[in-house]
Amino acid sequence: MSFYYKMVPGNTYCITGYTGNDVHVKVPTNIEVTILSDDIFKGHTEIESVDIPDTVTQLGGFVFDGCTGLKRIVLPAGLTDMWQYAMTRTSIEEIEIPGSVKAIVPFTFNQSKALKKVVFNEGTLRIDAWAFKDCTSLTDVYLSSSLTTISDKAFEGCNHVTLHYLDKDGK
């Protein structure tokens, strides 16, 4: 796999580019990667799955935009930030949001038309306007009790969404 890196404050690494053509991508674990920069996988339609180590705390804007083959991704437990359009136009059907992600910003999952199910873990506070805009297959969203703000436009263009409210135990 062909990754480009740069060191960031704290002696960790940011992946700034990817030139591979792998179907199953594994973000390296032999160095401490904390950031997947903007656009690095953008348009890589061949990617079907991505393994991201728990050291990653930030997903840049458009990082998986247009990865129309992407069906499986597990977000790392320590992830704190997902920037706008991070998961736009993928084929992911289900996603679990770690509680360490405090907000889902506008357009994070924009036009992910295969997305059917989203689960929010305890800790997430806010879902902004258009976070799931035009996710036309989205039917089930499981909301943690920690969510304090859900924009009335968060699920705009999602016509069949059922919101399931969970208690602190996730039930």
N, C-alpha and C. Protein backbone atom coordinates (compact mmCIF):
# COMPACT_ATOMS: atom_id res chain seq x y z
N MET A 1 0.85 -1.19 0.00
CA MET A 1 0.00 0.00 0.00
C MET A 1 0.89 1.24 0.00
N SER A 2 0.46 2.24 -0.68
CA SER A 2 1.28 3.44 -0.86
C SER A 2 0.66 4.62 -0.14
N PHE A 3 1.24 4.95 1.01
CA PHE A 3 0.77 6.07 1.81
C PHE A 3 1.85 7.15 1.86
N TYR A 4 1.42 8.39 1.96
CA TYR A 4 2.33 9.51 2.20
C TYR A 4 2.01 10.06 3.58
N TYR A 5 3.06 10.43 4.32
CA TYR A 5 2.92 10.87 5.71
C TYR A 5 3.59 12.21 5.94
N LYS A 6 3.18 12.84 7.03
CA LYS A 6 3.95 13.95 7.59
C LYS A 6 3.79 13.89 9.10
N MET A 7 4.84 14.33 9.80
CA MET A 7 4.79 14.35 11.25
C MET A 7 4.00 15.57 11.69
N VAL A 8 3.22 15.40 12.74
CA VAL A 8 2.42 16.50 13.30
C VAL A 8 2.82 16.67 14.76
N PRO A 9 2.44 17.79 15.39
CA PRO A 9 2.79 17.99 16.80
C PRO A 9 2.38 16.80 17.66
N GLY A 10 3.26 16.47 18.59
CA GLY A 10 3.02 15.32 19.45
C GLY A 10 3.75 14.08 18.94
N ASN A 11 4.60 14.28 17.90
CA ASN A 11 5.36 13.18 17.31
C ASN A 11 4.48 12.04 16.82
N THR A 12 3.34 12.40 16.25
CA THR A 12 2.48 11.43 15.59
C THR A 12 2.42 11.78 14.11
N TYR A 13 1.70 10.99 13.35
CA TYR A 13 1.70 11.17 11.90
C TYR A 13 0.31 11.42 11.34
N CYS A 14 0.33 12.17 10.26
CA CYS A 14 -0.87 12.45 9.47
C CYS A 14 -0.64 11.80 8.11
N ILE A 15 -1.58 10.97 7.68
CA ILE A 15 -1.49 10.44 6.32
C ILE A 15 -2.05 11.50 5.39
N THR A 16 -1.22 11.90 4.42
CA THR A 16 -1.59 12.99 3.52
C THR A 16 -1.94 12.52 2.11
N GLY A 17 -1.67 11.25 1.82
CA GLY A 17 -1.98 10.76 0.49
C GLY A 17 -1.96 9.26 0.41
N TYR A 18 -2.64 8.75 -0.61
CA TYR A 18 -2.72 7.31 -0.86
C TYR A 18 -2.73 7.11 -2.37
N THR A 19 -1.83 6.25 -2.86
CA THR A 19 -1.76 6.01 -4.30
C THR A 19 -1.96 4.54 -4.66
N GLY A 20 -2.44 3.75 -3.71
CA GLY A 20 -2.65 2.33 -3.97
C GLY A 20 -3.93 2.07 -4.75
N ASN A 21 -4.16 0.78 -4.99
CA ASN A 21 -5.39 0.36 -5.65
C ASN A 21 -5.96 -0.88 -4.96
N ASP A 22 -5.73 -0.98 -3.67
CA ASP A 22 -6.17 -2.13 -2.89
C ASP A 22 -7.68 -2.11 -2.67
N VAL A 23 -8.27 -3.29 -2.60
CA VAL A 23 -9.69 -3.44 -2.31
C VAL A 23 -9.91 -3.33 -0.80
N HIS A 24 -8.99 -3.92 -0.03
CA HIS A 24 -9.06 -3.88 1.43
C HIS A 24 -7.85 -3.08 1.93
N VAL A 25 -8.10 -1.89 2.44
CA VAL A 25 -7.05 -0.99 2.86
C VAL A 25 -6.86 -1.09 4.36
N LYS A 26 -5.59 -1.21 4.77
CA LYS A 26 -5.26 -1.20 6.20
C LYS A 26 -4.37 0.02 6.45
N VAL A 27 -4.87 0.95 7.25
CA VAL A 27 -4.05 2.09 7.64
C VAL A 27 -2.93 1.54 8.51
N PRO A 28 -1.68 1.92 8.25
CA PRO A 28 -0.54 1.35 8.96
C PRO A 28 -0.64 1.49 10.48
N THR A 29 -0.13 0.48 11.15
CA THR A 29 -0.08 0.49 12.62
C THR A 29 1.36 0.51 13.12
N ASN A 30 2.34 0.45 12.22
CA ASN A 30 3.74 0.45 12.64
C ASN A 30 4.24 1.85 13.02
N ILE A 31 3.45 2.88 12.70
CA ILE A 31 3.71 4.24 13.19
C ILE A 31 2.40 4.75 13.78
N GLU A 32 2.50 5.76 14.64
CA GLU A 32 1.29 6.26 15.29
C GLU A 32 0.61 7.31 14.41
N VAL A 33 -0.39 6.85 13.67
CA VAL A 33 -1.17 7.72 12.79
C VAL A 33 -2.35 8.26 13.60
N THR A 34 -2.48 9.60 13.65
CA THR A 34 -3.60 10.21 14.37
C THR A 34 -4.58 10.93 13.45
N ILE A 35 -4.15 11.24 12.22
CA ILE A 35 -5.00 12.01 11.31
C ILE A 35 -4.99 11.38 9.92
N LEU A 36 -6.18 11.20 9.36
CA LEU A 36 -6.32 10.88 7.94
C LEU A 36 -6.75 12.19 7.29
N SER A 37 -5.87 12.76 6.50
CA SER A 37 -6.05 14.10 5.95
C SER A 37 -7.16 14.15 4.90
N ASP A 38 -7.53 15.37 4.52
CA ASP A 38 -8.56 15.60 3.51
C ASP A 38 -8.24 14.85 2.21
N ASP A 39 -9.27 14.30 1.61
CA ASP A 39 -9.23 13.79 0.23
C ASP A 39 -8.37 12.55 -0.02
N ILE A 40 -7.75 11.94 0.98
CA ILE A 40 -6.74 10.92 0.67
C ILE A 40 -7.27 9.70 -0.06
N PHE A 41 -8.50 9.30 0.20
CA PHE A 41 -9.07 8.15 -0.50
C PHE A 41 -10.14 8.58 -1.52
N LYS A 42 -10.31 9.86 -1.69
CA LYS A 42 -11.38 10.40 -2.54
C LYS A 42 -11.35 9.77 -3.93
N GLY A 43 -12.52 9.25 -4.33
CA GLY A 43 -12.66 8.71 -5.67
C GLY A 43 -12.08 7.33 -5.90
N HIS A 44 -11.54 6.70 -4.86
CA HIS A 44 -11.01 5.34 -5.00
C HIS A 44 -12.17 4.35 -4.95
N THR A 45 -12.80 4.14 -6.09
CA THR A 45 -14.00 3.31 -6.16
C THR A 45 -13.71 1.83 -5.93
N GLU A 46 -12.45 1.43 -6.02
CA GLU A 46 -12.08 0.03 -5.83
C GLU A 46 -12.08 -0.39 -4.35
N ILE A 47 -11.99 0.57 -3.45
CA ILE A 47 -11.91 0.25 -2.02
C ILE A 47 -13.25 -0.27 -1.52
N GLU A 48 -13.22 -1.46 -0.88
CA GLU A 48 -14.42 -2.06 -0.30
C GLU A 48 -14.43 -2.00 1.22
N SER A 49 -13.25 -2.02 1.83
CA SER A 49 -13.19 -1.95 3.29
C SER A 49 -11.92 -1.22 3.71
N VAL A 50 -12.00 -0.59 4.89
CA VAL A 50 -10.85 0.13 5.43
C VAL A 50 -10.74 -0.22 6.91
N ASP A 51 -9.54 -0.62 7.31
CA ASP A 51 -9.24 -0.85 8.72
C ASP A 51 -8.45 0.34 9.23
N ILE A 52 -9.01 1.02 10.23
CA ILE A 52 -8.40 2.22 10.80
C ILE A 52 -7.99 1.91 12.23
N PRO A 53 -6.71 2.13 12.58
CA PRO A 53 -6.29 1.83 13.95
C PRO A 53 -6.91 2.80 14.97
N ASP A 54 -6.97 2.36 16.21
CA ASP A 54 -7.56 3.18 17.28
C ASP A 54 -6.78 4.45 17.58
N THR A 55 -5.57 4.59 17.03
CA THR A 55 -4.79 5.81 17.25
C THR A 55 -5.35 7.00 16.48
N VAL A 56 -6.13 6.74 15.44
CA VAL A 56 -6.66 7.82 14.59
C VAL A 56 -7.76 8.57 15.33
N THR A 57 -7.58 9.90 15.43
CA THR A 57 -8.55 10.75 16.12
C THR A 57 -9.31 11.67 15.17
N GLN A 58 -8.80 11.86 13.94
CA GLN A 58 -9.46 12.79 13.02
C GLN A 58 -9.56 12.21 11.61
N LEU A 59 -10.75 12.36 11.01
CA LEU A 59 -10.96 12.05 9.60
C LEU A 59 -11.19 13.37 8.89
N GLY A 60 -10.36 13.68 7.92
CA GLY A 60 -10.45 14.94 7.22
C GLY A 60 -11.65 15.03 6.29
N GLY A 61 -11.88 16.22 5.78
CA GLY A 61 -12.98 16.45 4.85
C GLY A 61 -12.78 15.66 3.56
N PHE A 62 -13.85 15.10 3.03
CA PHE A 62 -13.85 14.37 1.77
C PHE A 62 -12.94 13.14 1.78
N VAL A 63 -12.52 12.68 2.95
CA VAL A 63 -11.54 11.59 3.04
C VAL A 63 -12.00 10.34 2.30
N PHE A 64 -13.29 10.01 2.35
CA PHE A 64 -13.81 8.84 1.64
C PHE A 64 -14.84 9.23 0.57
N ASP A 65 -14.86 10.49 0.18
CA ASP A 65 -15.83 10.97 -0.80
C ASP A 65 -15.72 10.18 -2.11
N GLY A 66 -16.84 9.68 -2.57
CA GLY A 66 -16.86 8.99 -3.85
C GLY A 66 -16.29 7.59 -3.83
N CYS A 67 -16.03 7.05 -2.65
CA CYS A 67 -15.58 5.65 -2.55
C CYS A 67 -16.81 4.77 -2.65
N THR A 68 -17.35 4.68 -3.85
CA THR A 68 -18.64 4.03 -4.06
C THR A 68 -18.60 2.53 -3.82
N GLY A 69 -17.43 1.93 -3.79
CA GLY A 69 -17.30 0.51 -3.46
C GLY A 69 -17.18 0.25 -1.97
N LEU A 70 -16.96 1.31 -1.18
CA LEU A 70 -16.73 1.15 0.26
C LEU A 70 -18.00 0.68 0.96
N LYS A 71 -17.93 -0.54 1.51
CA LYS A 71 -19.08 -1.14 2.17
C LYS A 71 -18.86 -1.34 3.67
N ARG A 72 -17.58 -1.43 4.10
CA ARG A 72 -17.32 -1.72 5.51
C ARG A 72 -16.21 -0.82 6.04
N ILE A 73 -16.51 -0.21 7.17
CA ILE A 73 -15.52 0.56 7.90
C ILE A 73 -15.92 0.55 9.36
N VAL A 74 -14.93 0.37 10.21
CA VAL A 74 -15.17 0.46 11.65
C VAL A 74 -14.43 1.70 12.12
N LEU A 75 -15.18 2.64 12.66
CA LEU A 75 -14.56 3.88 13.14
C LEU A 75 -13.82 3.60 14.44
N PRO A 76 -12.61 4.15 14.60
CA PRO A 76 -11.83 3.87 15.80
C PRO A 76 -12.47 4.44 17.06
N ALA A 77 -12.25 3.75 18.16
CA ALA A 77 -12.87 4.11 19.44
C ALA A 77 -12.47 5.50 19.92
N GLY A 78 -11.29 5.97 19.55
CA GLY A 78 -10.82 7.28 20.01
C GLY A 78 -11.06 8.42 19.04
N LEU A 79 -11.81 8.15 17.97
CA LEU A 79 -12.08 9.18 16.97
C LEU A 79 -12.82 10.35 17.61
N THR A 80 -12.34 11.57 17.38
CA THR A 80 -13.00 12.75 17.95
C THR A 80 -13.62 13.65 16.89
N ASP A 81 -13.05 13.67 15.68
CA ASP A 81 -13.52 14.60 14.66
C ASP A 81 -13.70 13.92 13.31
N MET A 82 -14.85 14.18 12.72
CA MET A 82 -15.13 13.79 11.33
C MET A 82 -15.54 15.08 10.63
N TRP A 83 -14.75 15.51 9.66
CA TRP A 83 -15.01 16.79 9.04
C TRP A 83 -16.05 16.65 7.93
N GLN A 84 -16.52 17.80 7.45
CA GLN A 84 -17.58 17.82 6.44
C GLN A 84 -17.23 16.92 5.25
N TYR A 85 -18.24 16.20 4.79
CA TYR A 85 -18.15 15.33 3.63
C TYR A 85 -17.20 14.15 3.82
N ALA A 86 -16.80 13.85 5.03
CA ALA A 86 -15.85 12.75 5.28
C ALA A 86 -16.32 11.43 4.69
N MET A 87 -17.60 11.13 4.82
CA MET A 87 -18.13 9.84 4.39
C MET A 87 -19.14 9.99 3.24
N THR A 88 -19.01 11.02 2.46
CA THR A 88 -19.95 11.32 1.38
C THR A 88 -19.84 10.31 0.24
N ARG A 89 -21.00 9.91 -0.28
CA ARG A 89 -21.11 9.07 -1.47
C ARG A 89 -20.35 7.75 -1.35
N THR A 90 -20.53 7.07 -0.22
CA THR A 90 -19.99 5.72 -0.05
C THR A 90 -21.13 4.72 -0.19
N SER A 91 -20.81 3.44 -0.10
CA SER A 91 -21.83 2.38 -0.14
C SER A 91 -21.95 1.67 1.21
N ILE A 92 -21.53 2.34 2.26
CA ILE A 92 -21.65 1.77 3.61
C ILE A 92 -23.14 1.62 3.93
N GLU A 93 -23.50 0.46 4.48
CA GLU A 93 -24.90 0.20 4.84
C GLU A 93 -25.17 0.45 6.31
N GLU A 94 -24.17 0.24 7.16
CA GLU A 94 -24.32 0.46 8.60
C GLU A 94 -23.07 1.14 9.14
N ILE A 95 -23.27 2.00 10.12
CA ILE A 95 -22.14 2.66 10.76
C ILE A 95 -22.44 2.85 12.23
N GLU A 96 -21.42 2.66 13.06
CA GLU A 96 -21.53 2.91 14.49
C GLU A 96 -20.62 4.08 14.82
N ILE A 97 -21.20 5.11 15.42
CA ILE A 97 -20.46 6.33 15.75
C ILE A 97 -19.95 6.20 17.18
N PRO A 98 -18.62 6.24 17.38
CA PRO A 98 -18.10 6.17 18.75
C PRO A 98 -18.53 7.39 19.56
N GLY A 99 -18.71 7.22 20.84
CA GLY A 99 -19.10 8.32 21.72
C GLY A 99 -18.06 9.42 21.82
N SER A 100 -16.83 9.13 21.42
CA SER A 100 -15.77 10.14 21.44
C SER A 100 -15.98 11.21 20.37
N VAL A 101 -16.82 10.93 19.37
CA VAL A 101 -17.18 11.92 18.35
C VAL A 101 -18.31 12.76 18.93
N LYS A 102 -18.02 13.99 19.29
CA LYS A 102 -19.01 14.83 19.98
C LYS A 102 -20.06 15.41 19.05
N ALA A 103 -19.72 15.61 17.78
CA ALA A 103 -20.68 16.22 16.84
C ALA A 103 -20.53 15.61 15.46
N ILE A 104 -21.66 15.43 14.80
CA ILE A 104 -21.68 15.06 13.39
C ILE A 104 -21.99 16.34 12.64
N VAL A 105 -20.99 16.84 11.93
CA VAL A 105 -21.09 18.15 11.29
C VAL A 105 -21.86 18.05 9.97
N PRO A 106 -22.26 19.20 9.40
CA PRO A 106 -23.03 19.17 8.16
C PRO A 106 -22.35 18.35 7.05
N PHE A 107 -23.16 17.58 6.36
CA PHE A 107 -22.77 16.83 5.16
C PHE A 107 -21.78 15.69 5.40
N THR A 108 -21.57 15.28 6.64
CA THR A 108 -20.62 14.20 6.91
C THR A 108 -20.94 12.95 6.09
N PHE A 109 -22.21 12.56 6.05
CA PHE A 109 -22.62 11.35 5.33
C PHE A 109 -23.46 11.68 4.09
N ASN A 110 -23.33 12.87 3.57
CA ASN A 110 -24.11 13.36 2.44
C ASN A 110 -24.16 12.34 1.29
N GLN A 111 -25.35 12.05 0.80
CA GLN A 111 -25.57 11.20 -0.37
C GLN A 111 -24.99 9.79 -0.25
N SER A 112 -24.89 9.29 0.97
CA SER A 112 -24.51 7.88 1.15
C SER A 112 -25.79 7.06 1.02
N LYS A 113 -26.17 6.83 -0.21
CA LYS A 113 -27.50 6.30 -0.53
C LYS A 113 -27.72 4.85 -0.11
N ALA A 114 -26.68 4.11 0.22
CA ALA A 114 -26.83 2.72 0.69
C ALA A 114 -26.99 2.64 2.20
N LEU A 115 -26.70 3.73 2.90
CA LEU A 115 -26.72 3.72 4.37
C LEU A 115 -28.13 3.44 4.87
N LYS A 116 -28.25 2.38 5.69
CA LYS A 116 -29.56 1.98 6.22
C LYS A 116 -29.66 2.17 7.73
N LYS A 117 -28.54 2.01 8.43
CA LYS A 117 -28.59 2.00 9.89
C LYS A 117 -27.41 2.77 10.47
N VAL A 118 -27.72 3.63 11.47
CA VAL A 118 -26.69 4.39 12.18
C VAL A 118 -26.93 4.19 13.67
N VAL A 119 -25.86 3.90 14.40
CA VAL A 119 -25.94 3.75 15.85
C VAL A 119 -25.00 4.76 16.49
N PHE A 120 -25.54 5.59 17.38
CA PHE A 120 -24.74 6.56 18.13
C PHE A 120 -24.47 6.00 19.52
N ASN A 121 -23.19 5.94 19.88
CA ASN A 121 -22.83 5.50 21.22
C ASN A 121 -22.90 6.67 22.19
N GLU A 122 -23.02 6.35 23.45
CA GLU A 122 -23.09 7.34 24.52
C GLU A 122 -21.87 8.25 24.45
N GLY A 123 -22.10 9.55 24.45
CA GLY A 123 -21.02 10.53 24.40
C GLY A 123 -21.22 11.56 23.31
N THR A 124 -21.81 11.16 22.19
CA THR A 124 -22.08 12.11 21.11
C THR A 124 -23.15 13.09 21.57
N LEU A 125 -22.91 14.39 21.31
CA LEU A 125 -23.79 15.45 21.81
C LEU A 125 -24.70 16.07 20.76
N ARG A 126 -24.25 16.09 19.48
CA ARG A 126 -24.94 16.92 18.50
C ARG A 126 -24.92 16.30 17.10
N ILE A 127 -26.06 16.43 16.41
CA ILE A 127 -26.13 16.09 14.98
C ILE A 127 -26.57 17.37 14.26
N ASP A 128 -25.68 17.90 13.45
CA ASP A 128 -25.93 19.18 12.78
C ASP A 128 -26.83 19.01 11.54
N ALA A 129 -27.29 20.14 11.03
CA ALA A 129 -28.10 20.17 9.81
C ALA A 129 -27.35 19.47 8.68
N TRP A 130 -28.12 18.71 7.90
CA TRP A 130 -27.63 18.06 6.69
C TRP A 130 -26.54 17.01 6.93
N ALA A 131 -26.35 16.59 8.17
CA ALA A 131 -25.33 15.58 8.47
C ALA A 131 -25.54 14.30 7.65
N PHE A 132 -26.81 13.94 7.44
CA PHE A 132 -27.17 12.74 6.69
C PHE A 132 -28.02 13.08 5.47
N LYS A 133 -27.76 14.23 4.87
CA LYS A 133 -28.57 14.70 3.75
C LYS A 133 -28.59 13.70 2.60
N ASP A 134 -29.80 13.42 2.13
CA ASP A 134 -30.01 12.56 0.97
C ASP A 134 -29.45 11.14 1.13
N CYS A 135 -29.47 10.63 2.35
CA CYS A 135 -29.18 9.21 2.58
C CYS A 135 -30.51 8.48 2.42
N THR A 136 -30.88 8.24 1.19
CA THR A 136 -32.25 7.85 0.85
C THR A 136 -32.66 6.46 1.33
N SER A 137 -31.71 5.60 1.68
CA SER A 137 -32.04 4.26 2.20
C SER A 137 -32.07 4.21 3.72
N LEU A 138 -31.71 5.31 4.36
CA LEU A 138 -31.62 5.32 5.83
C LEU A 138 -32.99 5.11 6.45
N THR A 139 -33.09 4.05 7.26
CA THR A 139 -34.37 3.73 7.91
C THR A 139 -34.29 3.74 9.42
N ASP A 140 -33.14 3.38 9.99
CA ASP A 140 -33.04 3.24 11.45
C ASP A 140 -31.85 4.00 12.00
N VAL A 141 -32.15 4.92 12.93
CA VAL A 141 -31.11 5.68 13.62
C VAL A 141 -31.31 5.47 15.11
N TYR A 142 -30.27 4.94 15.75
CA TYR A 142 -30.31 4.65 17.19
C TYR A 142 -29.55 5.76 17.90
N LEU A 143 -30.28 6.54 18.70
CA LEU A 143 -29.76 7.75 19.33
C LEU A 143 -29.43 7.50 20.79
N SER A 144 -28.22 7.86 21.19
CA SER A 144 -27.82 7.70 22.59
C SER A 144 -28.47 8.79 23.43
N SER A 145 -28.55 8.54 24.72
CA SER A 145 -29.18 9.51 25.63
C SER A 145 -28.33 10.77 25.80
N SER A 146 -27.06 10.73 25.40
CA SER A 146 -26.20 11.91 25.54
C SER A 146 -26.48 12.98 24.49
N LEU A 147 -27.17 12.63 23.40
CA LEU A 147 -27.46 13.61 22.35
C LEU A 147 -28.37 14.71 22.90
N THR A 148 -27.89 15.94 22.81
CA THR A 148 -28.67 17.07 23.32
C THR A 148 -29.26 17.92 22.19
N THR A 149 -28.66 17.84 21.00
CA THR A 149 -29.13 18.67 19.89
C THR A 149 -29.16 17.84 18.61
N ILE A 150 -30.33 17.80 18.00
CA ILE A 150 -30.49 17.17 16.69
C ILE A 150 -31.19 18.20 15.81
N SER A 151 -30.49 18.70 14.81
CA SER A 151 -31.08 19.69 13.92
C SER A 151 -32.30 19.12 13.22
N ASP A 152 -33.30 19.97 13.01
CA ASP A 152 -34.49 19.51 12.28
C ASP A 152 -34.17 19.21 10.82
N LYS A 153 -32.99 19.58 10.35
CA LYS A 153 -32.58 19.29 8.98
C LYS A 153 -31.49 18.21 8.92
N ALA A 154 -31.20 17.57 10.04
CA ALA A 154 -30.13 16.57 10.10
C ALA A 154 -30.34 15.43 9.10
N PHE A 155 -31.60 15.06 8.91
CA PHE A 155 -31.93 13.93 8.05
C PHE A 155 -32.72 14.36 6.80
N GLU A 156 -32.44 15.58 6.33
CA GLU A 156 -33.15 16.10 5.16
C GLU A 156 -32.91 15.19 3.94
N GLY A 157 -33.99 14.86 3.25
CA GLY A 157 -33.90 13.99 2.09
C GLY A 157 -33.92 12.51 2.44
N CYS A 158 -34.07 12.20 3.71
CA CYS A 158 -34.19 10.81 4.18
C CYS A 158 -35.66 10.62 4.54
N ASN A 159 -36.40 9.96 3.69
CA ASN A 159 -37.85 9.97 3.81
C ASN A 159 -38.46 8.91 4.71
N HIS A 160 -37.68 7.94 5.15
CA HIS A 160 -38.25 6.83 5.90
C HIS A 160 -37.48 6.54 7.18
N VAL A 161 -36.99 7.56 7.84
CA VAL A 161 -36.16 7.37 9.04
C VAL A 161 -37.03 7.17 10.28
N THR A 162 -36.67 6.16 11.05
CA THR A 162 -37.25 5.96 12.38
C THR A 162 -36.14 6.22 13.39
N LEU A 163 -36.41 7.12 14.33
CA LEU A 163 -35.45 7.41 15.39
C LEU A 163 -35.76 6.52 16.58
N HIS A 164 -34.75 5.79 17.04
CA HIS A 164 -34.87 4.91 18.20
C HIS A 164 -34.05 5.54 19.32
N TYR A 165 -34.70 5.82 20.43
CA TYR A 165 -34.02 6.48 21.55
C TYR A 165 -33.53 5.43 22.54
N LEU A 166 -32.23 5.44 22.81
CA LEU A 166 -31.61 4.46 23.70
C LEU A 166 -31.34 5.08 25.06
N ASP A 167 -31.32 4.26 26.10
CA ASP A 167 -30.92 4.75 27.43
C ASP A 167 -29.40 4.67 27.55
N LYS A 168 -28.87 5.02 28.71
CA LYS A 168 -27.41 5.06 28.90
C LYS A 168 -26.75 3.69 28.71
N ASP A 169 -27.52 2.63 28.87
CA ASP A 169 -26.99 1.28 28.68
C ASP A 169 -27.09 0.81 27.23
N GLY A 170 -27.56 1.68 26.35
CA GLY A 170 -27.69 1.35 24.94
C GLY A 170 -28.86 0.45 24.61
N LYS A 171 -29.87 0.46 25.47
CA LYS A 171 -31.05 -0.41 25.25
C LYS A 171 -32.28 0.41 24.91
